[in-house]
N, C-alpha and C. Protein backbone atom coordinates (compact mmCIF):
# COMPACT_ATOMS: atom_id res chain seq x y z
N MET A 1 -94.03 -1.63 33.51
CA MET A 1 -94.15 -0.33 34.12
C MET A 1 -93.34 -0.29 35.42
N LEU A 2 -92.56 0.75 35.60
CA LEU A 2 -91.77 0.91 36.82
C LEU A 2 -92.66 1.44 37.94
N LYS A 3 -92.41 0.91 39.14
CA LYS A 3 -93.17 1.33 40.31
C LYS A 3 -92.21 1.44 41.49
N LYS A 4 -92.36 2.50 42.28
CA LYS A 4 -91.55 2.70 43.47
C LYS A 4 -92.38 2.32 44.69
N GLN A 5 -91.85 1.42 45.52
CA GLN A 5 -92.52 1.01 46.75
C GLN A 5 -91.66 1.41 47.94
N ILE A 6 -92.29 2.03 48.92
CA ILE A 6 -91.57 2.42 50.13
C ILE A 6 -92.26 1.76 51.32
N SER A 7 -91.45 1.10 52.16
CA SER A 7 -91.97 0.51 53.39
C SER A 7 -91.01 0.85 54.53
N HIS A 8 -91.44 0.58 55.75
CA HIS A 8 -90.63 0.92 56.92
C HIS A 8 -90.62 -0.26 57.89
N GLU A 9 -89.48 -0.46 58.53
CA GLU A 9 -89.33 -1.40 59.63
C GLU A 9 -88.95 -0.61 60.86
N HIS A 10 -89.45 -1.03 62.02
CA HIS A 10 -89.21 -0.29 63.25
C HIS A 10 -88.69 -1.21 64.35
N SER A 11 -87.86 -0.66 65.22
CA SER A 11 -87.48 -1.32 66.47
C SER A 11 -87.33 -0.23 67.52
N ILE A 12 -87.47 -0.62 68.77
CA ILE A 12 -87.43 0.34 69.87
C ILE A 12 -86.32 -0.07 70.83
N THR A 13 -85.47 0.89 71.20
CA THR A 13 -84.36 0.60 72.10
C THR A 13 -84.79 0.77 73.56
N GLU A 14 -83.91 0.38 74.46
CA GLU A 14 -84.22 0.47 75.89
C GLU A 14 -84.43 1.92 76.35
N PHE A 15 -83.86 2.88 75.66
CA PHE A 15 -84.04 4.28 76.04
C PHE A 15 -85.25 4.91 75.35
N GLY A 16 -85.96 4.15 74.53
CA GLY A 16 -87.15 4.67 73.86
C GLY A 16 -86.91 5.22 72.48
N HIS A 17 -85.69 5.06 71.95
CA HIS A 17 -85.44 5.47 70.57
C HIS A 17 -86.23 4.57 69.63
N ILE A 18 -86.83 5.16 68.62
CA ILE A 18 -87.47 4.38 67.57
C ILE A 18 -86.50 4.36 66.39
N GLN A 19 -86.00 3.17 66.09
CA GLN A 19 -85.11 3.02 64.95
C GLN A 19 -85.97 2.71 63.73
N VAL A 20 -85.83 3.52 62.70
CA VAL A 20 -86.65 3.38 61.50
C VAL A 20 -85.74 3.04 60.32
N ARG A 21 -86.09 1.97 59.63
CA ARG A 21 -85.37 1.61 58.41
C ARG A 21 -86.36 1.71 57.26
N GLN A 22 -86.11 2.67 56.38
CA GLN A 22 -86.95 2.85 55.19
C GLN A 22 -86.37 2.00 54.07
N ILE A 23 -87.24 1.22 53.46
CA ILE A 23 -86.83 0.35 52.35
C ILE A 23 -87.52 0.87 51.09
N THR A 24 -86.72 1.22 50.09
CA THR A 24 -87.26 1.70 48.82
C THR A 24 -86.95 0.64 47.76
N ARG A 25 -88.01 0.17 47.13
CA ARG A 25 -87.86 -0.84 46.09
C ARG A 25 -88.33 -0.27 44.77
N ILE A 26 -87.59 -0.55 43.72
CA ILE A 26 -88.01 -0.22 42.36
C ILE A 26 -88.44 -1.54 41.71
N MET A 27 -89.70 -1.57 41.30
CA MET A 27 -90.30 -2.79 40.75
C MET A 27 -90.66 -2.58 39.28
N GLU A 28 -90.55 -3.65 38.51
CA GLU A 28 -91.01 -3.63 37.12
C GLU A 28 -91.75 -4.94 36.87
N ASP A 29 -93.01 -4.82 36.53
CA ASP A 29 -93.84 -5.98 36.26
C ASP A 29 -93.78 -7.01 37.39
N GLY A 30 -93.81 -6.51 38.64
CA GLY A 30 -93.81 -7.39 39.80
C GLY A 30 -92.45 -7.93 40.22
N LYS A 31 -91.39 -7.58 39.51
CA LYS A 31 -90.05 -8.05 39.84
C LYS A 31 -89.23 -6.89 40.41
N GLU A 32 -88.51 -7.18 41.46
CA GLU A 32 -87.68 -6.16 42.09
C GLU A 32 -86.42 -5.92 41.27
N LEU A 33 -86.23 -4.66 40.86
CA LEU A 33 -85.02 -4.29 40.12
C LEU A 33 -83.93 -3.78 41.03
N SER A 34 -84.33 -3.05 42.07
CA SER A 34 -83.34 -2.54 43.01
C SER A 34 -84.00 -2.31 44.36
N LYS A 35 -83.15 -2.24 45.38
CA LYS A 35 -83.62 -2.00 46.74
C LYS A 35 -82.56 -1.16 47.44
N SER A 36 -82.99 -0.15 48.18
CA SER A 36 -82.07 0.67 48.95
C SER A 36 -82.66 0.94 50.33
N TYR A 37 -81.77 1.29 51.26
CA TYR A 37 -82.18 1.50 52.65
C TYR A 37 -81.76 2.89 53.11
N HIS A 38 -82.56 3.42 54.02
CA HIS A 38 -82.21 4.66 54.71
C HIS A 38 -82.61 4.46 56.16
N ARG A 39 -81.70 4.74 57.06
CA ARG A 39 -81.99 4.56 58.50
C ARG A 39 -82.00 5.91 59.20
N LYS A 40 -82.84 5.96 60.23
CA LYS A 40 -82.86 7.14 61.09
C LYS A 40 -83.33 6.72 62.46
N VAL A 41 -83.11 7.58 63.44
CA VAL A 41 -83.52 7.33 64.81
C VAL A 41 -84.37 8.50 65.28
N VAL A 42 -85.49 8.17 65.90
CA VAL A 42 -86.36 9.18 66.49
C VAL A 42 -86.25 9.02 68.00
N SER A 43 -85.96 10.12 68.69
CA SER A 43 -85.78 10.09 70.13
C SER A 43 -87.01 10.60 70.85
N PRO A 44 -87.20 10.17 72.11
CA PRO A 44 -88.33 10.68 72.88
C PRO A 44 -88.31 12.21 72.91
N GLY A 45 -89.45 12.79 72.62
CA GLY A 45 -89.56 14.25 72.60
C GLY A 45 -89.35 14.86 71.24
N ASP A 46 -88.86 14.10 70.26
CA ASP A 46 -88.67 14.63 68.91
C ASP A 46 -90.03 14.93 68.25
N ASP A 47 -90.01 15.88 67.36
CA ASP A 47 -91.20 16.21 66.56
C ASP A 47 -91.35 15.13 65.49
N VAL A 48 -92.48 14.43 65.49
CA VAL A 48 -92.68 13.32 64.55
C VAL A 48 -93.70 13.65 63.47
N ARG A 49 -94.09 14.91 63.35
CA ARG A 49 -95.13 15.28 62.39
C ARG A 49 -94.77 14.93 60.96
N GLU A 50 -93.50 14.90 60.61
CA GLU A 50 -93.08 14.62 59.23
C GLU A 50 -92.73 13.15 59.01
N GLU A 51 -92.91 12.32 60.03
CA GLU A 51 -92.56 10.90 59.93
C GLU A 51 -93.68 10.11 59.25
N ASP A 52 -93.38 8.87 58.87
CA ASP A 52 -94.40 7.99 58.30
C ASP A 52 -95.47 7.69 59.36
N GLU A 53 -96.63 7.24 58.93
CA GLU A 53 -97.76 7.04 59.83
C GLU A 53 -97.47 6.05 60.95
N ARG A 54 -96.80 4.95 60.65
CA ARG A 54 -96.52 3.96 61.69
C ARG A 54 -95.59 4.53 62.75
N THR A 55 -94.57 5.28 62.34
CA THR A 55 -93.67 5.90 63.31
C THR A 55 -94.45 6.86 64.20
N LYS A 56 -95.35 7.63 63.62
CA LYS A 56 -96.18 8.54 64.42
C LYS A 56 -97.01 7.78 65.43
N LEU A 57 -97.61 6.66 65.02
CA LEU A 57 -98.44 5.87 65.92
C LEU A 57 -97.62 5.26 67.05
N ILE A 58 -96.43 4.77 66.74
CA ILE A 58 -95.55 4.21 67.77
C ILE A 58 -95.17 5.30 68.77
N ALA A 59 -94.74 6.46 68.26
CA ALA A 59 -94.34 7.56 69.14
C ALA A 59 -95.51 7.99 70.02
N GLU A 60 -96.69 8.09 69.45
CA GLU A 60 -97.87 8.49 70.22
C GLU A 60 -98.14 7.48 71.35
N ALA A 61 -97.92 6.21 71.07
CA ALA A 61 -98.20 5.17 72.05
C ALA A 61 -97.16 5.12 73.18
N ILE A 62 -95.89 5.34 72.86
CA ILE A 62 -94.85 5.13 73.88
C ILE A 62 -94.28 6.41 74.47
N TYR A 63 -94.39 7.52 73.78
CA TYR A 63 -93.78 8.76 74.27
C TYR A 63 -94.70 9.48 75.23
N THR A 64 -94.84 8.89 76.41
CA THR A 64 -95.61 9.51 77.47
C THR A 64 -94.77 10.61 78.10
N PRO A 65 -95.39 11.54 78.81
CA PRO A 65 -94.59 12.57 79.51
C PRO A 65 -93.57 11.95 80.47
N GLU A 66 -93.92 10.83 81.09
CA GLU A 66 -93.01 10.17 82.02
C GLU A 66 -91.79 9.60 81.29
N LEU A 67 -92.01 8.97 80.14
CA LEU A 67 -90.90 8.42 79.37
C LEU A 67 -89.99 9.53 78.86
N ILE A 68 -90.58 10.61 78.38
CA ILE A 68 -89.78 11.73 77.88
C ILE A 68 -88.94 12.32 79.01
N ALA A 69 -89.54 12.50 80.19
CA ALA A 69 -88.81 13.05 81.34
C ALA A 69 -87.68 12.11 81.75
N ALA A 70 -87.94 10.81 81.78
CA ALA A 70 -86.90 9.83 82.15
C ALA A 70 -85.77 9.84 81.12
N TYR A 71 -86.11 9.96 79.84
CA TYR A 71 -85.10 10.00 78.78
C TYR A 71 -84.24 11.25 78.93
N GLU A 72 -84.87 12.40 79.10
CA GLU A 72 -84.12 13.65 79.24
C GLU A 72 -83.22 13.61 80.47
N SER A 73 -83.71 13.04 81.56
CA SER A 73 -82.91 12.91 82.78
C SER A 73 -81.69 12.02 82.53
N LYS A 74 -81.91 10.90 81.84
CA LYS A 74 -80.81 9.98 81.55
C LYS A 74 -79.78 10.62 80.63
N MET A 75 -80.22 11.36 79.63
CA MET A 75 -79.29 12.02 78.71
C MET A 75 -78.48 13.09 79.44
N THR A 76 -79.11 13.82 80.35
CA THR A 76 -78.40 14.82 81.16
C THR A 76 -77.36 14.14 82.04
N GLU A 77 -77.75 13.02 82.65
CA GLU A 77 -76.84 12.26 83.50
C GLU A 77 -75.64 11.75 82.69
N LEU A 78 -75.89 11.21 81.51
CA LEU A 78 -74.79 10.71 80.67
C LEU A 78 -73.87 11.84 80.22
N ALA A 79 -74.44 13.01 79.91
CA ALA A 79 -73.63 14.14 79.47
C ALA A 79 -72.74 14.64 80.61
N ALA A 80 -73.25 14.59 81.84
CA ALA A 80 -72.49 15.05 83.00
C ALA A 80 -71.32 14.12 83.29
N GLU A 81 -71.44 12.86 82.90
CA GLU A 81 -70.37 11.89 83.15
C GLU A 81 -69.17 12.09 82.24
N LYS A 82 -69.34 12.82 81.15
CA LYS A 82 -68.25 12.99 80.19
C LYS A 82 -67.23 13.96 80.64
């Protein structure tokens, strides 16, 4: 019987971005037939309602108003330098 398994790996950058790597595995009788990856980045202040549960929990834990304000300030500063 074919079964689709989806899991996620996370890392957090110095600016507070949550890097999410989704791993999709197709399994048959306990053996992996294929594996594919999809990557995305969630930034401080982004809407995470549609994200996987772990990403939501990470964002809830680290995206304080202070972190979001510092991120927005840094992005404004970097944009002004261009």
